[in-house]
Amino acid sequence: MTTRYDLAIAGAGPAGSVLGYLAAREGLRVLVAERSHFDGPKPGETAPPEQRPLLARIGLSHVLDESTHTEAPAVVSVWGNAQPAERPHILSPFGNGFHLDRRAFDERLAQAAGQAGAEVRLATSIRFERWQRGGYAVLSRRGERMQARFAVVR
């Protein structure tokens, strides 16, 4: 018997995990496949304070804890100019920005997708083959064949 999904997502980064979370929360059968175990290093990023209400609106504010970020009262960058530019967050109604530990942040988002009902598979690479009659064959490197109505590649 072939496993069937409404949506199959290749990659459990922020976009893939949040999409999986939202789709599963709406009752869709979702597969989120991530080729890693979230064990490798990832470059950090700084997110603006405006991301806080976005995460709260979709029920994911809990992923921002001491394991996933540190507070960033300002961002200093050199982008297209030799002079550093500073963007302080002191006047933001949403508080400080945050420096993300991308590995931990990605892992927490994938866990949230799983808690919402998505099937999250780590150490699983998948590819898609489009069917002429609609939908996709979802093929794992291990030789497993699945089906999905919709497919997303990060």
Protein backbone atom coordinates (compact mmCIF):
# COMPACT_ATOMS: atom_id res chain seq x y z
CA MET A 1 0.00 0.00 0.00
CA THR A 2 1.31 3.46 -0.95
CA THR A 3 1.28 6.24 1.64
CA ARG A 4 -0.73 9.22 0.42
CA TYR A 5 -0.37 12.85 1.44
CA ASP A 6 -2.21 16.00 0.53
CA LEU A 7 1.08 17.89 0.65
CA ALA A 8 4.72 16.75 0.58
CA ILE A 9 7.45 19.27 1.45
CA ALA A 10 11.15 18.76 0.72
CA GLY A 11 13.06 20.68 3.40
CA ALA A 12 12.28 21.53 7.01
CA GLY A 13 13.73 25.02 7.06
CA PRO A 14 11.51 27.84 8.34
CA ALA A 15 9.39 28.02 5.17
CA GLY A 16 8.86 24.26 4.87
CA SER A 17 8.15 23.71 8.55
CA VAL A 18 5.78 26.66 8.89
CA LEU A 19 3.90 25.58 5.76
CA GLY A 20 3.71 22.02 7.12
CA TYR A 21 2.53 23.32 10.48
CA LEU A 22 -0.22 25.48 8.97
CA ALA A 23 -1.41 22.80 6.53
CA ALA A 24 -1.49 20.07 9.20
CA ARG A 25 -3.35 22.39 11.55
CA GLU A 26 -6.02 22.73 8.87
CA GLY A 27 -6.41 18.96 8.69
CA LEU A 28 -4.30 18.14 5.64
CA ARG A 29 -2.14 15.01 5.61
CA VAL A 30 1.38 16.46 5.38
CA LEU A 31 4.87 15.04 4.92
CA VAL A 32 7.86 17.26 5.77
CA ALA A 33 11.12 15.55 4.76
CA GLU A 34 14.44 16.92 5.99
CA ARG A 35 17.72 15.43 4.78
CA SER A 36 19.59 16.33 8.00
CA HIS A 37 19.13 15.63 11.70
CA PHE A 38 19.56 19.36 12.44
CA ASP A 39 23.02 18.44 13.64
CA GLY A 40 25.22 20.44 11.30
CA PRO A 41 26.22 24.05 11.76
CA LYS A 42 24.09 26.75 10.16
CA PRO A 43 24.92 30.42 9.90
CA GLY A 44 23.05 32.57 12.38
CA GLU A 45 20.68 35.29 11.34
CA THR A 46 19.19 38.36 12.89
CA ALA A 47 15.43 38.75 12.68
CA PRO A 48 13.57 42.04 13.13
CA PRO A 49 11.19 42.67 16.04
CA GLU A 50 8.26 42.58 13.60
CA GLN A 51 8.67 38.79 13.36
CA ARG A 52 7.38 38.35 16.92
CA PRO A 53 3.72 39.22 16.17
CA LEU A 54 3.82 37.14 12.98
CA LEU A 55 4.91 34.05 14.92
CA ALA A 56 2.34 34.80 17.63
CA ARG A 57 -0.47 35.19 15.07
CA ILE A 58 0.08 31.65 13.78
CA GLY A 59 0.66 30.12 17.20
CA LEU A 60 4.44 29.72 17.03
CA SER A 61 5.70 32.31 19.50
CA HIS A 62 6.82 29.46 21.77
CA VAL A 63 9.69 28.62 19.39
CA LEU A 64 11.44 31.81 20.52
CA ASP A 65 13.04 30.79 23.79
CA GLU A 66 16.56 30.91 25.23
CA SER A 67 17.58 27.85 23.19
CA THR A 68 16.75 29.46 19.83
CA HIS A 69 17.80 33.09 20.14
CA THR A 70 19.37 35.95 22.04
CA GLU A 71 17.97 39.46 22.18
CA ALA A 72 19.27 42.00 19.64
CA PRO A 73 18.66 45.61 20.71
CA ALA A 74 20.08 46.82 17.39
CA VAL A 75 21.54 45.61 14.12
CA VAL A 76 24.74 47.05 12.68
CA SER A 77 25.45 46.19 9.06
CA VAL A 78 27.72 47.15 6.21
CA TRP A 79 25.69 46.65 3.08
CA GLY A 80 26.45 48.56 -0.11
CA ASN A 81 28.39 51.19 1.80
CA ALA A 82 31.74 51.35 3.57
CA GLN A 83 30.14 52.98 6.60
CA PRO A 84 28.35 50.77 9.13
CA ALA A 85 24.64 51.49 9.47
CA GLU A 86 22.87 50.93 12.77
CA ARG A 87 19.19 50.11 13.14
CA PRO A 88 18.25 50.33 16.81
CA HIS A 89 15.07 48.60 17.96
CA ILE A 90 14.46 50.81 20.99
CA LEU A 91 11.44 52.48 19.38
CA SER A 92 9.89 49.25 18.09
CA PRO A 93 6.53 48.44 19.69
CA PHE A 94 7.51 44.75 19.37
CA GLY A 95 10.67 44.93 21.49
CA ASN A 96 14.12 43.81 20.45
CA GLY A 97 15.05 41.90 17.38
CA PHE A 98 16.80 38.59 17.87
CA HIS A 99 19.89 36.72 16.82
CA LEU A 100 18.74 33.27 15.79
CA ASP A 101 20.52 30.00 16.36
CA ARG A 102 19.27 28.71 12.99
CA ARG A 103 19.89 25.05 13.79
CA ALA A 104 17.84 25.23 17.01
CA PHE A 105 15.19 27.51 15.46
CA ASP A 106 14.71 25.19 12.46
CA GLU A 107 14.49 22.15 14.73
CA ARG A 108 11.85 23.79 16.95
CA LEU A 109 9.75 24.78 13.91
CA ALA A 110 9.92 21.20 12.58
CA GLN A 111 8.85 19.89 16.00
CA ALA A 112 5.89 22.30 15.95
CA ALA A 113 4.89 20.97 12.52
CA GLY A 114 5.00 17.43 13.92
CA GLN A 115 2.94 18.42 16.97
CA ALA A 116 0.34 19.92 14.62
CA GLY A 117 0.00 16.56 12.88
CA ALA A 118 2.52 16.68 10.03
CA GLU A 119 4.71 13.64 9.55
CA VAL A 120 8.25 14.98 9.92
CA ARG A 121 10.98 12.64 8.67
CA LEU A 122 14.59 13.48 9.43
CA ALA A 123 17.53 12.10 7.44
CA THR A 124 15.17 11.66 4.51
CA SER A 125 15.82 13.06 1.04
CA ILE A 126 12.90 13.07 -1.37
CA ARG A 127 12.30 14.04 -4.96
CA PHE A 128 9.13 14.45 -6.96
CA GLU A 129 7.89 13.15 -10.30
CA ARG A 130 4.84 14.92 -11.71
CA TRP A 131 2.04 12.69 -12.95
CA GLN A 132 0.17 13.61 -16.11
CA ARG A 133 -3.15 12.94 -14.39
CA GLY A 134 -2.21 15.32 -11.55
CA GLY A 135 -0.33 14.97 -8.31
CA TYR A 136 3.17 13.70 -7.65
CA ALA A 137 5.08 10.56 -6.96
CA VAL A 138 7.24 11.17 -3.91
CA LEU A 139 10.42 9.10 -4.03
CA SER A 140 12.84 8.74 -1.14
CA ARG A 141 16.51 7.85 -1.55
CA ARG A 142 15.78 4.63 0.34
CA GLY A 143 13.44 3.57 -2.47
CA GLU A 144 10.15 4.28 -0.74
CA ARG A 145 7.34 5.46 -3.04
CA MET A 146 4.58 7.74 -1.80
CA GLN A 147 1.97 9.99 -3.40
CA ALA A 148 1.05 13.64 -2.89
CA ARG A 149 -1.56 15.92 -4.38
CA PHE A 150 0.80 18.89 -4.01
CA ALA A 151 4.59 19.16 -3.68
CA VAL A 152 6.86 21.92 -2.40
CA VAL A 153 10.61 22.10 -2.86
CA ARG A 154 12.43 24.68 -0.78
